[in-house]
Amino acid sequence: MTITGEGSRSASRWWCCTQKAPNHHQLARDSSKRTRHRTTHKRRESAMKRTKTAATTTTARMEGTVVPSILELPPTDSCSHTSFNYKFYRYQYLRPVAILYIALAVILANVSAFEPDFVYPLENVTVAKGRDATFTCVVNNLGGYRVAWIKADAKAILAIHEHVITNNGRLSVTHNDYNTWTLVIRNVKMEDRGVYMCQVNTDPMKMQTAFLEVVIPPDIIYEETSGDMMVPEGGSAKLICKARGYPKPKIVWRREDGREIIARNGTHGKMKATIVEGEMLSLTKVTRSEMGAYMCIASNGVPPSVSKRLKLQVHFHPLIQVPNQLVGAPLGTDVTLICNVEASPKAINYWQRENGEMIISNERYLMNENESSMYAVQMTLVIRKLHKSDMGGYKCISKNSIGDAEGTIRLYEMELQKKTKSAHRVNSVEDTSGNDEINSTPNIDQSDESNKIHKNGRLYKGLQAGEHDLISSSTSDASVRVGPVTLWPLVVGALALALTHGNTPRVRC
């Protein structure tokens, strides 16, 4: 298309105005600028690669695995100003920050895995006063942290690491150079009782607590405890026993001889028990059988238990019991007289003849006393080689501060006849009485007779030498044993025979 005339000239002017000649200086500046941008981009890319490599190496060393980067470099093939600037500012500044955050998170996770940790719980301790108490705290991964011991209830720091802070010479801290820390309290006192804490100075703080219980064995308070007591028979007695210790001791009462304790009250009568609990033991209407030693025993589960012995004396006037008031024995033999005495307080016991003559122990008279309980005594008098003058009455006498008592025994002679005379008399009696039968005791051999006489204590014991022929072994022998029970039937029988036959038989008493 060709433009001519005026229009041609106008078009030529517009084209010339719009199509300016190229500026060589500007082109050079743009080329240099693009070159600088490429160089800077390459340098920064190289620096980011080095940072990425360092972070990846650190992560691999700490965890054993390589963590791939989640950010990749954008393609750099475009040289346009708009594309280059957008990708540069979007990735090149955010990428190192993200990598640093990831590395920091990994480091913190690994550090937290190696924080101090308690292996075993701190155990409560119970110890008797005056002994040693020990607390053991086991901590793993302590690192640069320190262990402290604190008395929690008093909020007092006792020790830090291996140094004792408190001014208490009884405390010490030991460390086994690995993970075990020990607090030792020597010669424990009551004020040491409380809560103890093992603490590690982490953030937040880590700690364990345990309780120290101090116990005290029981001990009798003698100033407030009863002593030996004396009461009259039928009276009342209160025995008191008190003890100290921690925990509070429990008190029980027992009798030393193991017999039952009799507790009486007005509503429920009397109660018997071998063990009675309580600080006070109350006894009413006391009898002589309750006399004896009582044991007050205090215990609180802390060995050893303690006890105190209290003696209860029941006072009453003497009482005498005579088992055999009539005793017979042949002349020349030994005879034993017996009296049983009960008295409290202890009585003076002695023997007298019925005429008031006191018997003194010598070669013919042997006196002895055998105690069967605290208040019971058996008095014995042995008369050797019985004489005619020894026959008659004897008194056993007992006296104490409350009163006196006496018992009487009568000693008589027993005659023993020879075999022939005894057999002749028995035959004559059988002939005159026809088929009547006489109540008599058949004779037994000498050893059995001697044993029985010694057992019941009513007759003589044993025979003297040369007297064995005086006792008949025949079943028809009329010799009998005379005692308090068999005496009167023999007398009556003898009188009956005298009235029947007109003869006066000889009664052997």
Protein backbone atom coordinates (compact mmCIF):
# COMPACT_ATOMS: atom_id res chain seq x y z
CA MET A 1 0.00 0.00 0.00
CA THR A 2 1.47 3.33 -1.03
CA ILE A 3 0.53 6.56 0.62
CA THR A 4 0.91 9.62 -1.46
CA GLY A 5 0.22 13.27 -1.10
CA GLU A 6 -0.42 14.90 2.23
CA GLY A 7 -1.43 11.68 3.90
CA SER A 8 1.82 10.14 2.85
CA ARG A 9 3.78 12.80 4.54
CA SER A 10 1.73 12.48 7.79
CA ALA A 11 2.19 8.71 7.97
CA SER A 12 5.85 9.02 7.43
CA ARG A 13 6.08 11.43 10.31
CA TRP A 14 4.15 8.98 12.76
CA TRP A 15 6.35 6.04 11.82
CA CYS A 16 9.45 8.00 12.36
CA CYS A 17 8.23 9.15 15.70
CA THR A 18 7.27 5.66 16.95
CA GLN A 19 10.22 3.71 15.62
CA LYS A 20 13.10 5.31 17.45
CA ALA A 21 16.60 4.20 16.95
CA PRO A 22 17.87 1.60 19.49
CA ASN A 23 19.81 2.93 22.52
CA HIS A 24 23.01 0.93 22.78
CA HIS A 25 23.83 2.17 26.28
CA GLN A 26 20.50 1.00 27.66
CA LEU A 27 20.94 -2.42 26.14
CA ALA A 28 24.32 -2.75 27.73
CA ARG A 29 22.97 -1.81 31.14
CA ASP A 30 20.13 -4.38 30.93
CA SER A 31 22.51 -7.11 29.92
CA SER A 32 24.83 -6.32 32.80
CA LYS A 33 21.91 -6.27 35.21
CA ARG A 34 20.68 -9.68 34.10
CA THR A 35 24.17 -11.06 34.45
CA ARG A 36 24.44 -9.77 38.02
CA HIS A 37 21.08 -11.28 38.91
CA ARG A 38 22.10 -14.63 37.54
CA THR A 39 25.36 -14.55 39.49
CA THR A 40 23.61 -13.58 42.73
CA HIS A 41 21.02 -16.30 42.22
CA LYS A 42 23.69 -18.92 41.67
CA ARG A 43 25.60 -17.80 44.76
CA ARG A 44 22.51 -17.90 46.93
CA GLU A 45 21.51 -21.26 45.52
CA SER A 46 24.95 -22.61 46.34
CA ALA A 47 24.70 -21.22 49.92
CA MET A 48 21.27 -22.77 50.43
CA LYS A 49 22.56 -26.11 49.20
CA ARG A 50 25.39 -25.94 51.73
CA THR A 51 22.94 -25.05 54.52
CA LYS A 52 20.66 -27.88 53.48
CA THR A 53 23.56 -30.32 53.46
CA ALA A 54 24.70 -29.22 56.93
CA ALA A 55 21.18 -29.50 58.42
CA THR A 56 20.66 -32.91 56.82
CA THR A 57 24.02 -34.15 58.17
CA THR A 58 23.20 -32.92 61.70
CA THR A 59 19.81 -34.61 61.61
CA ALA A 60 21.35 -37.87 60.37
CA ARG A 61 23.92 -37.82 63.16
CA MET A 62 21.29 -37.25 65.86
CA GLU A 63 18.62 -39.65 64.66
CA GLY A 64 20.57 -42.02 62.48
CA THR A 65 18.43 -41.24 59.39
CA VAL A 66 18.52 -38.49 56.76
CA VAL A 67 15.47 -36.24 56.74
CA PRO A 68 14.76 -35.12 53.18
CA SER A 69 14.05 -31.44 52.66
CA ILE A 70 10.42 -30.58 52.04
CA LEU A 71 11.35 -27.52 49.99
CA GLU A 72 12.82 -27.80 46.53
CA LEU A 73 14.48 -25.03 44.57
CA PRO A 74 12.29 -23.56 41.80
CA PRO A 75 13.39 -23.85 38.21
CA THR A 76 15.72 -21.06 37.15
CA ASP A 77 15.53 -21.36 33.41
CA SER A 78 13.39 -18.21 33.06
CA CYS A 79 15.22 -14.95 32.74
CA SER A 80 12.25 -12.68 32.90
CA HIS A 81 12.23 -10.08 35.65
CA THR A 82 8.74 -10.96 36.89
CA SER A 83 9.28 -14.76 37.14
CA PHE A 84 12.72 -14.43 38.74
CA ASN A 85 11.73 -11.98 41.44
CA TYR A 86 8.60 -13.90 42.48
CA LYS A 87 10.35 -17.26 42.96
CA PHE A 88 13.40 -15.72 44.60
CA TYR A 89 11.47 -13.93 47.33
CA ARG A 90 9.08 -16.86 47.87
CA TYR A 91 11.61 -19.64 48.30
CA GLN A 92 15.02 -18.26 49.02
CA TYR A 93 13.98 -16.53 52.27
CA LEU A 94 11.48 -19.07 53.64
CA ARG A 95 13.58 -22.14 53.05
CA PRO A 96 16.39 -21.52 55.64
CA VAL A 97 13.87 -20.48 58.27
CA ALA A 98 11.91 -23.71 57.80
CA ILE A 99 15.08 -25.77 57.94
CA LEU A 100 16.15 -24.06 61.15
CA TYR A 101 12.78 -24.74 62.74
CA ILE A 102 12.95 -28.41 61.79
CA ALA A 103 16.49 -28.76 63.15
CA LEU A 104 15.50 -27.02 66.39
CA ALA A 105 12.47 -29.30 66.84
CA VAL A 106 14.60 -32.40 66.30
CA ILE A 107 17.23 -31.17 68.76
CA LEU A 108 14.61 -30.37 71.42
CA ALA A 109 12.97 -33.78 70.97
CA ASN A 110 16.29 -35.53 71.49
CA VAL A 111 17.21 -33.34 74.44
CA SER A 112 13.86 -34.01 76.15
CA ALA A 113 14.42 -37.75 75.72
CA PHE A 114 17.58 -37.45 77.84
CA GLU A 115 16.13 -35.39 80.71
CA PRO A 116 16.59 -36.62 84.33
CA ASP A 117 14.20 -39.35 85.37
CA PHE A 118 13.53 -41.17 88.67
CA VAL A 119 14.08 -44.93 88.45
CA TYR A 120 12.39 -46.02 91.70
CA PRO A 121 9.87 -44.26 93.95
CA LEU A 122 11.12 -42.89 97.24
CA GLU A 123 10.04 -45.31 99.99
CA ASN A 124 8.57 -44.45 103.39
CA VAL A 125 10.79 -45.29 106.36
CA THR A 126 9.77 -46.36 109.88
CA VAL A 127 12.54 -46.43 112.47
CA ALA A 128 12.75 -46.61 116.25
CA LYS A 129 14.02 -43.63 118.16
CA GLY A 130 17.81 -43.68 118.46
CA ARG A 131 18.35 -45.78 115.30
CA ASP A 132 19.52 -44.59 111.84
CA ALA A 133 17.18 -43.76 108.94
CA THR A 134 18.15 -43.89 105.23
CA PHE A 135 16.42 -42.47 102.12
CA THR A 136 17.63 -43.58 98.66
CA CYS A 137 16.93 -41.60 95.47
CA VAL A 138 17.90 -43.08 92.07
CA VAL A 139 18.07 -40.60 89.12
CA ASN A 140 19.04 -41.42 85.53
CA ASN A 141 20.28 -38.92 82.92
CA LEU A 142 21.10 -36.33 85.53
CA GLY A 143 23.52 -34.52 83.22
CA GLY A 144 24.31 -31.04 84.50
CA TYR A 145 21.39 -30.95 86.90
CA ARG A 146 21.71 -31.34 90.67
CA VAL A 147 19.89 -33.33 93.35
CA ALA A 148 18.66 -31.63 96.52
CA TRP A 149 17.16 -33.00 99.74
CA ILE A 150 14.41 -30.97 101.41
CA LYS A 151 12.30 -31.44 104.58
CA ALA A 152 8.97 -30.58 103.01
CA ASP A 153 6.84 -29.87 106.07
CA ALA A 154 9.47 -27.48 107.46
CA LYS A 155 10.44 -26.13 103.98
CA ALA A 156 14.09 -26.49 104.90
CA ILE A 157 16.83 -27.37 102.42
CA LEU A 158 18.96 -30.12 103.94
CA ALA A 159 21.54 -30.81 101.22
CA ILE A 160 22.39 -29.94 97.60
CA HIS A 161 24.32 -32.48 95.57
CA GLU A 162 27.03 -33.70 97.98
CA HIS A 163 27.00 -30.73 100.34
CA VAL A 164 24.94 -30.60 103.57
CA ILE A 165 23.34 -27.18 103.96
CA THR A 166 21.53 -27.50 107.29
CA ASN A 167 23.39 -27.14 110.56
CA ASN A 168 22.74 -30.70 111.71
CA GLY A 169 25.68 -32.97 112.35
CA ARG A 170 23.48 -36.07 112.30
CA LEU A 171 22.75 -35.67 108.55
CA SER A 172 24.98 -36.85 105.71
CA VAL A 173 24.65 -37.30 101.92
CA THR A 174 26.42 -39.91 99.82
CA HIS A 175 26.65 -40.49 96.03
CA ASN A 176 27.78 -43.65 94.29
CA ASP A 177 29.22 -41.72 91.28
CA TYR A 178 26.50 -42.99 88.98
CA ASN A 179 22.81 -42.42 89.73
CA THR A 180 22.12 -43.19 93.40
CA TRP A 181 21.86 -40.49 96.09
CA THR A 182 21.44 -41.36 99.77
CA LEU A 183 20.36 -39.24 102.73
CA VAL A 184 21.33 -40.69 106.13
CA ILE A 185 19.90 -39.44 109.45
CA ARG A 186 21.78 -40.86 112.43
CA ASN A 187 20.40 -41.24 115.95
CA VAL A 188 16.87 -40.34 114.87
CA LYS A 189 14.86 -38.13 117.21
CA MET A 190 11.13 -37.46 117.43
CA GLU A 191 11.51 -34.06 115.76
CA ASP A 192 12.96 -35.75 112.65
CA ARG A 193 9.53 -37.19 111.89
CA GLY A 194 7.95 -35.74 108.71
CA VAL A 195 7.97 -35.58 104.89
CA TYR A 196 11.30 -35.66 103.02
CA MET A 197 11.75 -34.70 99.34
CA CYS A 198 14.31 -35.67 96.69
CA GLN A 199 14.31 -32.85 94.10
CA VAL A 200 16.01 -32.26 90.71
CA ASN A 201 16.36 -28.63 89.54
CA THR A 202 14.79 -29.10 86.11
CA ASP A 203 12.19 -26.73 84.62
CA PRO A 204 9.58 -27.65 85.68
CA MET A 205 10.99 -29.13 88.87
CA LYS A 206 10.96 -32.92 89.35
CA MET A 207 10.61 -34.41 92.83
CA GLN A 208 9.74 -37.45 94.97
CA THR A 209 8.49 -37.48 98.57
CA ALA A 210 8.49 -40.05 101.41
CA PHE A 211 7.48 -40.03 105.08
CA LEU A 212 9.78 -40.74 108.02
CA GLU A 213 7.88 -42.32 110.91
CA VAL A 214 9.69 -42.34 114.26
CA VAL A 215 8.43 -44.89 116.78
CA ILE A 216 9.29 -45.29 120.47
CA PRO A 217 9.24 -48.63 122.33
CA PRO A 218 6.91 -48.79 125.36
CA ASP A 219 8.17 -47.85 128.79
CA ILE A 220 6.42 -48.19 132.17
CA ILE A 221 5.79 -44.90 133.98
CA TYR A 222 6.70 -46.07 137.46
CA GLU A 223 5.68 -42.80 139.10
CA GLU A 224 2.06 -43.35 137.99
CA THR A 225 1.94 -47.15 138.40
CA SER A 226 0.77 -49.00 141.51
CA GLY A 227 3.14 -51.02 143.66
CA ASP A 228 2.56 -54.06 145.84
CA MET A 229 -0.80 -53.83 147.60
CA MET A 230 -2.32 -55.30 150.78
CA VAL A 231 -6.10 -55.54 151.31
CA PRO A 232 -8.24 -57.39 153.85
CA GLU A 233 -10.24 -60.35 152.67
CA GLY A 234 -13.57 -59.13 151.29
CA GLY A 235 -12.18 -55.68 150.47
CA SER A 236 -11.47 -54.01 147.11
CA ALA A 237 -8.27 -53.32 145.19
CA LYS A 238 -7.46 -51.10 142.19
CA LEU A 239 -4.24 -51.81 140.33
CA ILE A 240 -3.05 -49.04 137.97
CA CYS A 241 -0.42 -49.36 135.26
CA LYS A 242 0.63 -46.59 132.83
CA ALA A 243 3.16 -46.58 130.00
CA ARG A 244 4.60 -44.16 127.45
CA GLY A 245 5.67 -44.73 123.85
CA TYR A 246 4.70 -44.05 120.24
CA PRO A 247 2.25 -45.30 119.10
CA LYS A 248 0.41 -45.29 122.43
CA PRO A 249 1.03 -48.62 124.19
CA LYS A 250 -1.71 -51.14 124.87
CA ILE A 251 -1.83 -52.50 128.44
CA VAL A 252 -3.06 -55.96 129.47
CA TRP A 253 -3.15 -57.76 132.82
CA ARG A 254 -2.29 -61.40 133.54
CA ARG A 255 -1.75 -63.50 136.63
CA GLU A 256 1.78 -64.79 137.02
CA ASP A 257 0.60 -68.31 137.85
CA GLY A 258 -1.69 -68.37 134.79
CA ARG A 259 -4.91 -68.58 136.81
CA GLU A 260 -8.01 -66.61 135.87
CA ILE A 261 -8.66 -63.04 136.98
CA ILE A 262 -12.04 -62.61 138.66
CA ALA A 263 -13.78 -59.30 137.91
CA ARG A 264 -16.99 -58.57 139.82
CA ASN A 265 -19.67 -55.91 139.35
CA GLY A 266 -23.11 -55.30 140.72
CA THR A 267 -25.14 -55.97 137.58
CA HIS A 268 -23.43 -58.85 135.81
CA GLY A 269 -22.06 -60.77 138.76
CA LYS A 270 -18.50 -61.99 138.27
CA MET A 271 -16.50 -62.57 135.15
CA LYS A 272 -13.42 -64.75 134.76
CA ALA A 273 -10.72 -64.12 132.16
CA THR A 274 -7.05 -64.94 131.79
CA ILE A 275 -6.35 -61.53 130.13
CA VAL A 276 -7.90 -58.17 131.04
CA GLU A 277 -7.22 -55.00 128.99
CA GLY A 278 -6.98 -51.48 130.36
CA GLU A 279 -4.75 -49.29 132.49
CA MET A 280 -6.75 -50.06 135.66
CA LEU A 281 -7.61 -53.50 137.05
CA SER A 282 -10.45 -53.29 139.58
CA LEU A 283 -11.00 -56.17 142.02
CA THR A 284 -13.91 -56.24 144.48
CA LYS A 285 -14.78 -58.63 147.32
CA VAL A 286 -11.29 -60.03 147.14
CA THR A 287 -10.79 -63.58 148.41
CA ARG A 288 -7.62 -65.37 149.46
CA SER A 289 -7.60 -67.30 146.19
CA GLU A 290 -6.98 -64.02 144.33
CA MET A 291 -3.81 -63.41 146.26
CA GLY A 292 -0.65 -63.55 144.17
CA ALA A 293 1.43 -61.70 141.57
CA TYR A 294 -0.20 -59.78 138.71
CA MET A 295 1.68 -58.81 135.54
CA CYS A 296 1.10 -55.47 133.81
CA ILE A 297 2.30 -55.83 130.17
CA ALA A 298 2.66 -52.82 127.80
CA SER A 299 3.17 -53.22 124.03
CA ASN A 300 2.73 -51.06 120.91
CA GLY A 301 4.18 -53.21 118.14
CA VAL A 302 7.70 -51.84 118.67
CA PRO A 303 9.92 -54.41 120.40
CA PRO A 304 10.57 -55.04 123.16
CA SER A 305 7.39 -55.18 125.23
CA VAL A 306 7.79 -54.27 128.90
CA SER A 307 6.05 -55.48 132.05
CA LYS A 308 5.85 -54.83 135.76
CA ARG A 309 5.06 -57.33 138.53
CA LEU A 310 2.60 -56.26 141.21
CA LYS A 311 1.99 -58.44 144.27
CA LEU A 312 -1.46 -58.48 145.85
CA GLN A 313 -1.57 -59.54 149.50
CA VAL A 314 -4.93 -60.51 151.02
CA HIS A 315 -4.89 -60.48 154.82
CA PHE A 316 -7.01 -62.83 156.98
CA HIS A 317 -6.69 -64.56 160.32
CA PRO A 318 -5.26 -68.11 160.47
CA LEU A 319 -7.39 -71.14 159.68
CA ILE A 320 -6.37 -74.71 160.67
CA GLN A 321 -7.73 -77.95 159.23
CA VAL A 322 -6.84 -81.31 160.86
CA PRO A 323 -7.22 -84.31 158.51
CA ASN A 324 -7.12 -86.90 161.37
CA GLN A 325 -8.04 -85.86 164.86
CA LEU A 326 -7.55 -89.36 166.34
CA VAL A 327 -4.36 -91.30 165.59
CA GLY A 328 -3.35 -94.68 166.98
CA ALA A 329 0.04 -96.44 166.86
CA PRO A 330 1.88 -99.23 168.73
CA LEU A 331 4.67 -98.40 171.12
CA GLY A 332 8.18 -98.22 169.69
CA THR A 333 7.02 -97.09 166.25
CA ASP A 334 7.16 -93.71 164.47
CA VAL A 335 3.96 -91.68 164.10
CA THR A 336 3.20 -88.53 162.05
CA LEU A 337 0.70 -85.82 163.03
CA ILE A 338 -0.52 -83.39 160.31
CA CYS A 339 -2.17 -79.93 160.37
CA ASN A 340 -3.03 -77.73 157.34
CA VAL A 341 -2.74 -73.99 158.02
CA GLU A 342 -3.93 -70.99 155.95
CA ALA A 343 -2.87 -67.54 157.09
CA SER A 344 -1.88 -64.13 155.71
CA PRO A 345 0.30 -62.38 156.57
CA LYS A 346 2.66 -65.25 157.25
CA ALA A 347 1.99 -66.84 160.61
CA ILE A 348 4.13 -68.36 163.34
CA ASN A 349 3.36 -72.08 163.63
CA TYR A 350 4.35 -74.43 166.46
CA TRP A 351 3.25 -77.59 168.39
CA GLN A 352 2.18 -78.02 172.03
CA ARG A 353 1.16 -80.83 174.31
CA GLU A 354 -2.33 -80.60 175.79
CA ASN A 355 -0.81 -79.52 179.08
CA GLY A 356 0.70 -76.41 177.40
CA GLU A 357 4.23 -77.78 177.08
CA MET A 358 5.82 -76.53 173.83
CA ILE A 359 7.48 -79.20 171.73
CA ILE A 360 11.02 -78.46 170.60
CA SER A 361 12.63 -80.21 167.66
CA ASN A 362 15.18 -82.82 168.74
CA GLU A 363 16.17 -86.40 167.97
CA ARG A 364 12.70 -87.70 168.96
CA TYR A 365 10.54 -84.86 167.64
CA LEU A 366 10.92 -83.75 164.04
CA MET A 367 8.85 -80.73 162.90
CA ASN A 368 8.51 -79.51 159.32
CA GLU A 369 6.48 -77.00 157.24
CA ASN A 370 5.71 -77.40 153.52
CA GLU A 371 4.25 -74.39 151.66
CA SER A 372 1.63 -75.29 149.05
CA SER A 373 0.73 -71.68 148.13
CA MET A 374 1.35 -68.10 149.21
CA TYR A 375 -0.87 -68.54 152.26
CA ALA A 376 -1.16 -72.34 152.79
CA VAL A 377 1.28 -74.41 154.86
CA GLN A 378 1.24 -78.06 155.96
CA MET A 379 2.61 -78.61 159.48
CA THR A 380 3.96 -82.08 160.31
CA LEU A 381 5.18 -83.53 163.61
CA VAL A 382 7.02 -86.88 163.56
CA ILE A 383 7.39 -88.68 166.91
CA ARG A 384 10.10 -91.33 166.83
CA LYS A 385 10.06 -94.55 168.91
CA LEU A 386 6.72 -93.93 170.50
CA HIS A 387 6.69 -94.14 174.32
CA LYS A 388 3.85 -94.60 176.77
CA SER A 389 4.35 -91.03 177.90
CA ASP A 390 3.78 -89.75 174.38
CA MET A 391 0.12 -90.72 174.44
CA GLY A 392 -2.38 -87.91 174.81
CA GLY A 393 -3.40 -84.70 173.09
CA TYR A 394 -1.31 -82.49 170.78
CA LYS A 395 -2.07 -78.97 169.52
CA CYS A 396 -0.95 -77.29 166.32
CA ILE A 397 -1.07 -73.50 166.79
CA SER A 398 -0.82 -70.68 164.19
CA LYS A 399 -0.60 -66.94 165.01
CA ASN A 400 -0.27 -63.82 162.85
CA SER A 401 -0.90 -60.08 163.29
CA ILE A 402 -4.64 -60.50 162.73
CA GLY A 403 -5.44 -63.46 164.97
CA ASP A 404 -4.62 -67.06 165.88
CA ALA A 405 -6.05 -70.57 165.54
CA GLU A 406 -5.33 -74.06 166.85
CA GLY A 407 -6.14 -77.67 166.03
CA THR A 408 -6.13 -80.73 168.32
CA ILE A 409 -5.00 -84.31 167.65
CA ARG A 410 -5.29 -87.19 170.14
CA LEU A 411 -2.72 -89.95 170.04
CA TYR A 412 -3.54 -93.38 171.57
CA GLU A 413 -1.76 -96.71 171.88
CA MET A 414 -2.58 -99.66 169.65
CA GLU A 415 -1.87 -103.16 171.03
CA LEU A 416 -0.87 -105.99 168.72
CA GLN A 417 -1.16 -109.69 169.92
CA LYS A 418 0.63 -112.83 168.86
CA LYS A 419 -0.81 -115.31 166.36
CA THR A 420 -1.86 -118.05 168.80
CA LYS A 421 -3.69 -115.79 171.19
CA SER A 422 -5.50 -114.03 168.38
CA ALA A 423 -6.55 -117.29 166.72
CA HIS A 424 -7.73 -118.80 170.07
CA ARG A 425 -9.86 -115.75 170.85
CA VAL A 426 -11.46 -115.67 167.40
CA ASN A 427 -12.29 -119.43 167.59
CA SER A 428 -13.95 -119.04 170.98
CA VAL A 429 -16.05 -116.22 169.69
CA GLU A 430 -17.17 -118.28 166.69
CA ASP A 431 -18.15 -121.26 168.91
CA THR A 432 -20.28 -119.21 171.28
CA SER A 433 -22.00 -117.11 168.67
CA GLY A 434 -23.08 -120.00 166.44
CA ASN A 435 -23.51 -118.83 162.88
CA ASP A 436 -23.42 -115.16 163.86
CA GLU A 437 -20.86 -113.24 161.92
CA ILE A 438 -18.59 -110.58 163.41
CA ASN A 439 -17.72 -107.51 161.33
CA SER A 440 -14.00 -107.55 161.24
CA THR A 441 -11.32 -106.39 158.88
CA PRO A 442 -9.32 -109.26 157.34
CA ASN A 443 -5.61 -109.06 157.85
CA ILE A 444 -3.31 -108.40 154.93
CA ASP A 445 0.42 -108.77 154.59
CA GLN A 446 2.77 -106.47 156.42
CA SER A 447 3.92 -104.39 153.45
CA ASP A 448 0.38 -103.56 152.27
CA GLU A 449 -0.73 -102.65 155.79
CA SER A 450 2.26 -100.40 156.25
CA ASN A 451 1.61 -98.62 152.94
CA LYS A 452 -2.07 -98.00 153.70
CA ILE A 453 -1.32 -96.70 157.16
CA HIS A 454 1.24 -94.31 155.74
CA LYS A 455 -1.21 -93.14 153.07
CA ASN A 456 -4.13 -92.08 155.23
CA GLY A 457 -1.90 -90.81 158.03
CA ARG A 458 -4.17 -92.09 160.71
CA LEU A 459 -2.02 -94.89 162.11
CA TYR A 460 1.61 -95.68 162.71
CA LYS A 461 4.09 -96.05 159.92
CA GLY A 462 6.25 -99.19 159.77
CA LEU A 463 7.31 -101.55 162.53
CA GLN A 464 10.39 -101.78 164.67
CA ALA A 465 12.83 -104.70 164.45
CA GLY A 466 11.63 -107.88 166.20
CA GLU A 467 7.93 -107.06 165.85
CA HIS A 468 7.18 -108.94 162.62
CA ASP A 469 5.80 -111.93 164.54
CA LEU A 470 3.20 -109.77 166.28
CA ILE A 471 0.94 -109.46 163.21
CA SER A 472 -0.97 -112.53 162.15
CA SER A 473 -1.28 -113.38 158.48
CA SER A 474 -4.31 -115.63 159.07
CA THR A 475 -7.66 -114.53 157.65
CA SER A 476 -9.30 -115.40 160.96
CA ASP A 477 -7.21 -112.85 162.86
CA ALA A 478 -9.45 -110.40 164.69
CA SER A 479 -6.95 -107.48 164.74
CA VAL A 480 -8.46 -104.43 163.09
CA ARG A 481 -7.35 -100.94 162.08
CA VAL A 482 -8.81 -98.33 164.34
CA GLY A 483 -9.52 -94.87 163.04
CA PRO A 484 -12.01 -92.11 163.59
CA VAL A 485 -14.64 -93.93 161.50
CA THR A 486 -14.21 -97.59 162.61
CA LEU A 487 -13.77 -96.98 166.34
CA TRP A 488 -17.41 -96.75 167.41
CA PRO A 489 -18.66 -99.87 165.55
CA LEU A 490 -15.98 -101.92 167.30
CA VAL A 491 -16.97 -100.62 170.71
CA VAL A 492 -20.63 -101.35 170.06
CA GLY A 493 -19.81 -104.85 168.81
CA ALA A 494 -17.72 -105.56 171.88
CA LEU A 495 -20.49 -104.49 174.24
CA ALA A 496 -22.96 -106.70 172.37
CA LEU A 497 -20.73 -109.74 172.76
CA ALA A 498 -20.33 -109.03 176.48
CA LEU A 499 -24.06 -108.90 177.05
CA THR A 500 -24.70 -112.09 175.03
CA HIS A 501 -22.07 -114.39 176.47
CA GLY A 502 -21.49 -112.86 179.90
CA ASN A 503 -17.85 -112.38 179.11
CA THR A 504 -16.14 -109.00 178.94
CA PRO A 505 -14.03 -108.93 175.79
CA ARG A 506 -10.95 -106.79 175.59
CA VAL A 507 -11.37 -103.96 173.22
CA ARG A 508 -8.17 -102.97 171.43
CA CYS A 509 -8.14 -99.21 170.85
